[in-house]
Protein backbone atom coordinates (compact mmCIF):
# COMPACT_ATOMS: atom_id res chain seq x y z
CA MET A 1 -130.27 79.17 152.55
CA ASP A 2 -127.44 81.60 154.01
CA PHE A 3 -124.94 79.87 155.68
CA GLY A 4 -123.18 83.18 156.90
CA LEU A 5 -122.74 85.49 159.31
CA SER A 6 -125.46 88.79 159.25
CA GLU A 7 -124.31 91.76 158.80
CA GLU A 8 -124.61 92.87 162.55
CA GLN A 9 -122.71 89.97 163.57
CA VAL A 10 -119.88 91.09 161.14
CA LEU A 11 -120.43 94.71 162.94
CA LEU A 12 -120.46 92.71 166.31
CA LYS A 13 -116.90 90.64 165.48
CA ASP A 14 -115.47 93.56 164.08
CA THR A 15 -116.38 96.32 167.06
CA ILE A 16 -114.73 94.05 169.72
CA ARG A 17 -111.90 93.18 167.25
CA ARG A 18 -111.12 96.54 167.22
CA TYR A 19 -111.61 97.56 170.47
CA LEU A 20 -109.07 94.76 171.95
CA ASP A 21 -106.72 95.86 169.32
CA ALA A 22 -106.90 99.40 171.08
CA GLU A 23 -106.98 98.11 174.42
CA CYS A 24 -105.85 95.01 174.65
CA PRO A 25 -102.48 94.36 173.21
CA THR A 26 -100.23 91.90 174.81
CA THR A 27 -98.05 94.12 176.82
CA ARG A 28 -101.88 94.78 178.70
CA VAL A 29 -102.48 91.08 178.48
CA ARG A 30 -99.65 90.23 180.44
CA LYS A 31 -100.22 92.68 183.13
CA VAL A 32 -103.32 91.68 183.68
CA MET A 33 -101.93 87.91 184.03
CA GLU A 34 -98.97 88.69 186.71
CA SER A 35 -101.50 90.35 188.83
CA ALA A 36 -103.05 89.09 191.50
CA ASP A 37 -106.47 88.17 190.49
CA GLY A 38 -105.67 88.30 186.49
CA HIS A 39 -109.00 90.54 186.49
CA ASP A 40 -108.96 93.93 185.12
CA PRO A 41 -111.85 96.31 185.40
CA GLU A 42 -111.62 98.47 183.45
CA LEU A 43 -111.17 95.96 180.77
CA TRP A 44 -113.93 94.46 181.80
CA ARG A 45 -116.04 98.03 181.38
CA GLY A 46 -115.31 98.56 178.00
CA LEU A 47 -116.65 94.67 177.61
CA THR A 48 -119.75 95.81 179.02
CA SER A 49 -120.22 98.68 177.52
CA LEU A 50 -119.61 97.03 174.11
CA GLY A 51 -122.68 94.75 175.44
CA VAL A 52 -120.54 91.75 175.75
CA THR A 53 -121.80 90.34 179.43
CA GLY A 54 -125.77 91.34 178.97
CA MET A 55 -125.08 89.50 175.29
CA ILE A 56 -128.00 86.79 176.31
CA VAL A 57 -129.40 87.86 179.01
CA PRO A 58 -133.08 89.01 178.02
CA ALA A 59 -134.37 92.77 177.09
CA LYS A 60 -136.38 92.42 180.09
CA HIS A 61 -133.27 92.33 182.66
CA GLY A 62 -131.17 94.62 180.85
CA GLY A 63 -129.81 92.61 177.96
CA THR A 64 -130.14 92.00 174.54
CA GLY A 65 -131.16 88.71 174.46
CA LEU A 66 -129.22 87.33 171.37
CA GLU A 67 -128.56 83.76 171.08
CA LEU A 68 -125.20 81.45 172.16
CA LEU A 69 -123.51 82.06 168.23
CA ASP A 70 -123.50 86.06 168.95
CA LEU A 71 -121.87 85.10 172.16
CA ALA A 72 -119.40 82.46 170.75
CA LEU A 73 -118.61 85.30 168.10
CA ALA A 74 -117.35 87.33 171.13
CA ALA A 75 -115.53 84.65 172.73
CA GLU A 76 -113.81 83.97 168.56
CA GLU A 77 -112.42 87.39 169.44
CA LEU A 78 -111.21 87.14 172.94
CA GLY A 79 -109.38 84.23 172.08
CA TRP A 80 -107.67 86.00 169.31
CA ALA A 81 -106.73 88.30 171.45
CA ALA A 82 -105.73 86.10 174.34
CA ALA A 83 -107.52 88.37 176.14
CA PRO A 84 -107.55 87.58 179.96
CA GLY A 85 -110.72 88.12 182.57
CA PRO A 86 -113.64 86.15 183.96
CA PHE A 87 -115.73 86.36 180.36
CA LEU A 88 -115.61 82.08 180.16
CA ALA A 89 -116.58 82.19 183.86
CA ASN A 90 -119.64 85.40 183.46
CA ALA A 91 -120.91 83.22 180.30
CA LEU A 92 -121.16 80.27 181.79
CA GLY A 93 -122.75 81.37 185.26
CA THR A 94 -125.22 83.41 182.47
CA VAL A 95 -126.24 80.62 180.86
CA ALA A 96 -127.00 78.36 184.05
CA LEU A 97 -128.95 81.10 185.39
CA LEU A 98 -131.10 81.20 182.04
CA ALA A 99 -131.24 77.41 181.81
CA ALA A 100 -132.82 77.09 185.29
CA GLY A 101 -135.30 79.20 184.47
CA ASP A 102 -135.99 80.54 188.17
CA GLN A 103 -137.36 83.67 188.09
CA GLU A 104 -136.35 84.75 191.51
CA ALA A 105 -132.83 84.10 190.83
CA SER A 106 -132.65 85.54 186.87
CA GLU A 107 -134.81 89.27 188.36
CA ARG A 108 -131.51 88.96 191.38
CA TRP A 109 -128.49 88.83 189.02
CA LEU A 110 -129.14 88.43 185.28
CA PRO A 111 -129.39 92.60 185.44
CA ALA A 112 -126.17 92.82 187.34
CA VAL A 113 -124.90 90.59 185.18
CA ALA A 114 -125.45 92.31 182.02
CA ALA A 115 -124.41 95.52 183.60
CA GLY A 116 -121.10 94.23 184.57
CA THR A 117 -121.78 95.29 188.53
CA SER A 118 -121.79 91.33 189.06
CA ILE A 119 -119.69 88.04 188.00
CA VAL A 120 -121.99 84.76 188.35
CA SER A 121 -119.14 81.59 188.00
CA PHE A 122 -120.41 77.96 187.16
CA ALA A 123 -118.66 74.94 189.41
CA LEU A 124 -119.32 71.15 188.06
CA ALA A 125 -115.74 69.53 188.14
CA GLU A 126 -115.41 67.49 191.63
CA ALA A 127 -112.20 66.88 193.33
CA ILE A 128 -111.47 63.61 190.98
CA GLY A 129 -112.08 65.81 187.76
CA GLU A 130 -115.51 64.80 187.36
CA TRP A 131 -117.57 66.73 184.63
CA ASP A 132 -120.58 64.73 184.26
CA ALA A 133 -123.80 65.63 186.34
CA ALA A 134 -124.14 62.01 186.21
CA HIS A 135 -121.17 61.90 189.36
CA LEU A 136 -121.30 64.74 191.39
CA GLU A 137 -120.29 64.43 195.59
CA THR A 138 -121.23 67.82 196.55
CA ARG A 139 -124.28 67.24 198.97
CA ALA A 140 -127.25 69.24 199.39
CA GLU A 141 -129.22 69.09 202.91
CA SER A 142 -132.07 71.35 203.56
CA ASN A 143 -130.13 74.10 200.97
CA ARG A 144 -126.60 73.53 202.46
CA LEU A 145 -123.94 72.20 200.12
CA THR A 146 -121.24 70.42 201.83
CA GLY A 147 -118.33 69.15 199.23
CA GLU A 148 -115.12 70.29 197.10
CA LYS A 149 -115.12 71.56 193.78
CA SER A 150 -112.56 71.87 191.52
CA LEU A 151 -111.48 74.43 188.34
CA VAL A 152 -113.78 76.61 188.83
CA PRO A 153 -113.20 79.55 186.88
CA PHE A 154 -112.54 82.75 189.01
CA ALA A 155 -114.04 81.89 191.70
CA SER A 156 -112.63 84.47 194.05
CA ILE A 157 -113.72 87.23 192.40
CA ALA A 158 -117.49 85.95 191.60
CA ASP A 159 -120.04 86.92 193.72
CA ALA A 160 -122.29 84.27 193.22
CA ILE A 161 -121.44 80.52 192.07
CA ALA A 162 -123.36 78.18 190.75
CA VAL A 163 -122.87 75.03 191.96
CA ALA A 164 -123.77 71.29 190.25
CA ALA A 165 -124.67 69.40 193.64
CA VAL A 166 -127.20 65.86 194.23
CA ASP A 167 -129.80 65.66 197.22
CA ALA A 168 -132.47 63.24 197.86
CA THR A 169 -134.11 63.91 194.90
CA GLY A 170 -131.33 63.51 192.58
CA PRO A 171 -128.87 66.34 190.67
CA GLY A 172 -129.41 70.01 191.11
CA LEU A 173 -128.49 73.24 190.47
CA TRP A 174 -127.81 75.95 193.37
CA ILE A 175 -126.60 79.44 194.34
CA VAL A 176 -123.75 80.21 196.63
CA GLU A 177 -123.29 84.04 196.75
CA ARG A 178 -119.95 85.27 197.79
CA GLY A 179 -118.79 85.38 201.51
CA ALA A 180 -121.38 83.11 202.19
CA PRO A 181 -120.65 80.95 205.93
CA GLY A 182 -118.37 77.74 205.07
CA LEU A 183 -117.35 78.75 201.64
CA GLU A 184 -113.52 78.46 201.58
CA ILE A 185 -111.48 79.84 197.54
CA THR A 186 -108.20 78.30 197.14
CA ALA A 187 -106.24 79.46 194.19
CA LEU A 188 -104.89 77.03 191.77
CA SER A 189 -102.02 77.38 189.97
CA GLY A 190 -102.56 76.47 186.36
CA ASN A 191 -100.69 76.86 182.67
CA ASP A 192 -102.97 79.72 181.33
CA MET A 193 -102.67 83.01 183.42
CA THR A 194 -105.65 84.83 181.39
CA ARG A 195 -108.20 82.40 182.89
CA ARG A 196 -107.78 81.77 186.77
CA VAL A 197 -109.39 78.39 188.46
CA ASP A 198 -110.09 77.89 191.67
CA ARG A 199 -111.21 75.01 194.11
CA ILE A 200 -113.68 75.77 196.55
CA ARG A 201 -114.73 73.90 199.66
CA LEU A 202 -118.47 74.11 201.15
CA THR A 203 -118.94 73.06 204.65
CA ALA A 204 -122.91 73.52 205.14
CA THR A 205 -122.71 76.49 203.12
CA PRO A 206 -126.21 78.15 202.63
CA ALA A 207 -127.56 78.10 198.89
CA THR A 208 -130.92 78.68 197.08
CA ARG A 209 -131.97 75.92 194.76
CA ILE A 210 -132.42 77.65 191.43
CA ALA A 211 -132.73 74.00 189.37
CA SER A 212 -133.91 70.43 190.03
CA GLY A 213 -132.17 67.98 187.61
CA ARG A 214 -129.58 67.82 185.29
CA ALA A 215 -130.98 69.69 182.47
CA ALA A 216 -129.81 72.86 183.10
CA ILE A 217 -126.33 71.51 184.27
CA ASP A 218 -125.68 69.69 180.54
CA ARG A 219 -127.02 72.82 179.11
CA THR A 220 -124.74 74.90 180.63
CA ARG A 221 -121.62 72.47 180.16
CA ASP A 222 -122.91 71.94 176.33
CA ALA A 223 -122.29 76.13 175.96
CA GLY A 224 -119.03 76.12 177.61
CA LEU A 225 -117.69 73.47 175.03
CA ILE A 226 -118.96 75.44 172.35
CA LEU A 227 -117.59 78.97 174.19
CA LEU A 228 -114.21 76.61 174.25
CA ALA A 229 -114.20 75.44 170.63
CA ALA A 230 -114.64 79.29 169.32
CA ASP A 231 -111.60 80.15 171.57
CA ALA A 232 -109.56 77.29 170.17
CA TRP A 233 -110.50 78.38 166.59
CA ALA A 234 -109.65 81.63 166.83
CA GLY A 235 -106.33 80.58 169.23
CA ALA A 236 -105.13 78.54 166.66
CA ARG A 237 -105.23 81.05 163.60
CA ARG A 238 -103.86 83.31 165.52
CA CYS A 239 -100.77 81.05 166.10
CA HIS A 240 -101.28 80.45 162.59
CA HIS A 241 -100.87 84.56 161.52
CA MET A 242 -97.88 84.78 163.75
CA THR A 243 -95.83 82.21 162.61
CA THR A 244 -96.91 83.07 158.81
CA GLU A 245 -95.89 86.49 159.42
CA TYR A 246 -92.25 85.19 161.03
CA ALA A 247 -91.45 83.08 158.39
CA LYS A 248 -91.76 85.30 155.68
CA THR A 249 -89.10 87.82 157.59
CA ARG A 250 -86.88 85.10 159.21
CA VAL A 251 -83.73 84.81 157.52
CA GLN A 252 -81.93 81.44 157.20
CA PHE A 253 -79.71 80.45 154.93
CA GLY A 254 -79.88 83.79 152.99
CA GLN A 255 -83.59 83.63 152.54
CA PRO A 256 -86.83 83.32 154.20
CA ILE A 257 -87.99 80.28 156.03
CA GLY A 258 -91.31 80.39 154.11
CA SER A 259 -89.96 79.58 150.88
CA PHE A 260 -88.69 76.33 152.54
CA GLN A 261 -91.20 73.48 151.15
CA GLY A 262 -91.64 71.99 154.87
CA ILE A 263 -92.55 75.05 156.49
CA LYS A 264 -94.68 75.77 153.48
CA HIS A 265 -96.31 72.36 153.55
CA GLN A 266 -97.24 72.67 157.60
CA LEU A 267 -98.41 76.13 157.40
CA ALA A 268 -100.64 74.95 154.13
CA ASP A 269 -101.84 71.85 156.57
CA LEU A 270 -102.73 73.51 159.24
CA ILE A 271 -105.14 76.40 157.51
CA ALA A 272 -106.14 73.69 155.39
CA ASP A 273 -107.69 72.00 158.93
CA LEU A 274 -108.47 75.10 160.28
CA GLU A 275 -110.78 76.78 157.86
CA PRO A 276 -113.36 73.69 158.00
CA ALA A 277 -113.24 73.62 161.71
CA LEU A 278 -114.93 76.98 160.86
CA SER A 279 -118.47 75.57 160.39
CA LEU A 280 -117.85 72.78 163.45
CA TRP A 281 -118.19 75.10 166.25
CA TRP A 282 -120.72 77.37 164.21
CA TYR A 283 -123.31 74.85 163.73
CA ALA A 284 -122.76 73.73 167.35
CA ALA A 285 -123.85 76.83 168.09
CA HIS A 286 -126.87 77.00 166.05
CA ALA A 287 -127.94 73.77 167.55
CA PHE A 288 -127.63 74.90 170.63
CA ASP A 289 -129.71 77.91 170.07
CA ARG A 290 -132.31 76.24 167.39
CA MET A 291 -132.26 72.74 168.24
CA PRO A 292 -131.87 71.73 171.77
CA GLU A 293 -133.31 68.62 171.92
CA ALA A 294 -130.20 67.70 169.59
CA SER A 295 -127.09 69.92 170.29
CA ALA A 296 -125.48 67.94 172.92
CA ARG A 297 -123.26 65.88 170.06
CA PRO A 298 -122.23 68.35 167.98
CA ALA A 299 -120.87 70.51 171.39
CA ALA A 300 -119.34 67.89 172.19
CA LEU A 301 -117.59 66.88 168.66
CA ALA A 302 -116.30 71.19 168.12
CA LYS A 303 -114.83 71.43 171.66
CA ALA A 304 -113.08 67.37 171.09
CA HIS A 305 -112.22 68.67 167.60
CA LEU A 306 -110.64 72.26 167.91
CA GLY A 307 -109.41 71.40 171.40
CA ASP A 308 -106.75 69.01 169.64
CA LEU A 309 -106.45 71.37 166.76
CA PHE A 310 -105.39 74.28 168.51
CA ASP A 311 -103.02 72.22 170.60
CA ARG A 312 -101.32 70.91 167.41
CA ALA A 313 -101.45 74.36 165.82
CA ALA A 314 -100.02 75.75 168.90
CA ARG A 315 -97.16 73.48 169.36
CA THR A 316 -96.55 73.57 165.44
CA SER A 317 -95.79 77.02 164.92
CA ILE A 318 -93.61 77.26 168.34
CA GLU A 319 -91.15 74.25 166.85
CA LEU A 320 -91.64 76.36 163.31
CA HIS A 321 -90.35 79.43 165.27
CA GLY A 322 -87.12 77.20 166.72
CA GLY A 323 -85.82 78.82 170.05
CA ILE A 324 -87.26 81.88 169.56
CA GLY A 325 -90.92 80.45 170.25
CA TYR A 326 -90.03 78.75 173.80
CA THR A 327 -89.31 81.71 175.31
CA TRP A 328 -91.52 83.93 177.81
CA GLU A 329 -90.83 87.18 176.25
CA TYR A 330 -92.43 85.83 172.92
CA ASP A 331 -95.63 85.87 172.80
CA LEU A 332 -96.76 82.72 171.26
CA GLN A 333 -96.67 81.05 174.64
CA LEU A 334 -99.58 82.93 175.47
CA TRP A 335 -101.73 80.89 172.70
CA PHE A 336 -99.93 77.61 173.56
CA ARG A 337 -100.92 77.88 177.35
CA ARG A 338 -104.37 78.80 176.08
CA ALA A 339 -104.72 75.57 173.98
CA MET A 340 -103.62 73.56 177.16
CA PHE A 341 -106.72 75.18 179.27
CA ASP A 342 -109.01 75.15 176.08
CA ARG A 343 -107.94 71.10 175.63
CA ALA A 344 -108.39 69.86 179.30
CA PHE A 345 -111.37 72.24 180.66
CA LEU A 346 -115.33 71.00 181.09
CA GLY A 347 -113.10 67.44 179.53
CA GLU A 348 -110.71 66.19 177.55
CA ALA A 349 -111.30 65.44 173.80
CA SER A 350 -111.22 61.62 174.09
CA TYR A 351 -114.06 61.86 176.90
CA HIS A 352 -116.39 64.27 174.81
CA ARG A 353 -115.63 61.65 171.59
CA ARG A 354 -117.15 58.64 173.79
CA ARG A 355 -119.63 61.09 174.32
CA ALA A 356 -120.56 61.62 170.91
CA ALA A 357 -120.48 58.05 170.26
CA ASP A 358 -122.81 57.58 172.76
CA LEU A 359 -125.40 59.94 172.05
CA ALA A 360 -125.14 58.69 168.16
CA GLY A 361 -126.23 55.50 169.77
CA TRP A 362 -122.92 53.63 168.17
């Protein structure tokens, strides 16, 4: 059995890496993240031309019909580059549409998503910070939604938002389109300026139901956990790479600091933890694609472990850089901020470890 990537997947990664190396250096990352909406349409068009936006969209809707593992490989490369923009938001919205299985909604939105002309986001968290469909407070009545959603990625530029809500029959998913009456969007101030989040308030807002039950909601959240895990793994690797290169050139007491045991041991420990973790999110993505009935627990474990690992890698890297690592001018802060986002978004590590234990029947 082959546990590696296919030639096509390796080519996919290499193509995205080369594009981001050329078109998304940290100077551009900083420019975009400091803009009003954190979105660069030209960069987004470039990713669209590489097929990133339509990667998991079925061919009949204009996409390439690939799997979540392929999309997670793209997330890995975007994480390595700290690429700004609505990739995660749009990926979650796409998974929500696919998981819902509503033909009319799919025909309405998926071709535009694949073409990069529309962005669809996903709203799950309530104002109280819950990431569980069992605790929804946003209400639906006669296809009108009332409630508040927090930490909605790139809601301000989304053409539609898949909103998790509950009605008399239980939880479900509804599509709310941009400019709908009663939809109010407020930007939130977050640490990670490359991935913006907003609060949305819904007041009898017209919406279209696309799924009943919590299956589509849970499926979308699990996909998000895997994409965050892939981003976190790449971000941690980037922190390790930057620190290793810095340790080779930073001279203290007449020699590079990388020659000191205290530095070498920390970098060795970090890479020893990182390398085996790659298989964790690979397996979670494989399970999502090929074993959906058993995919929730691997997704939770991957997010919990890699979110923590990215956080540790970022903090260790900053400490090993010394004073310069704490400055705004030094690029390491970009990945430190992403680490905070990856750790918190869709639930902290302790929350998902408890879920994993419950799913295992412990």
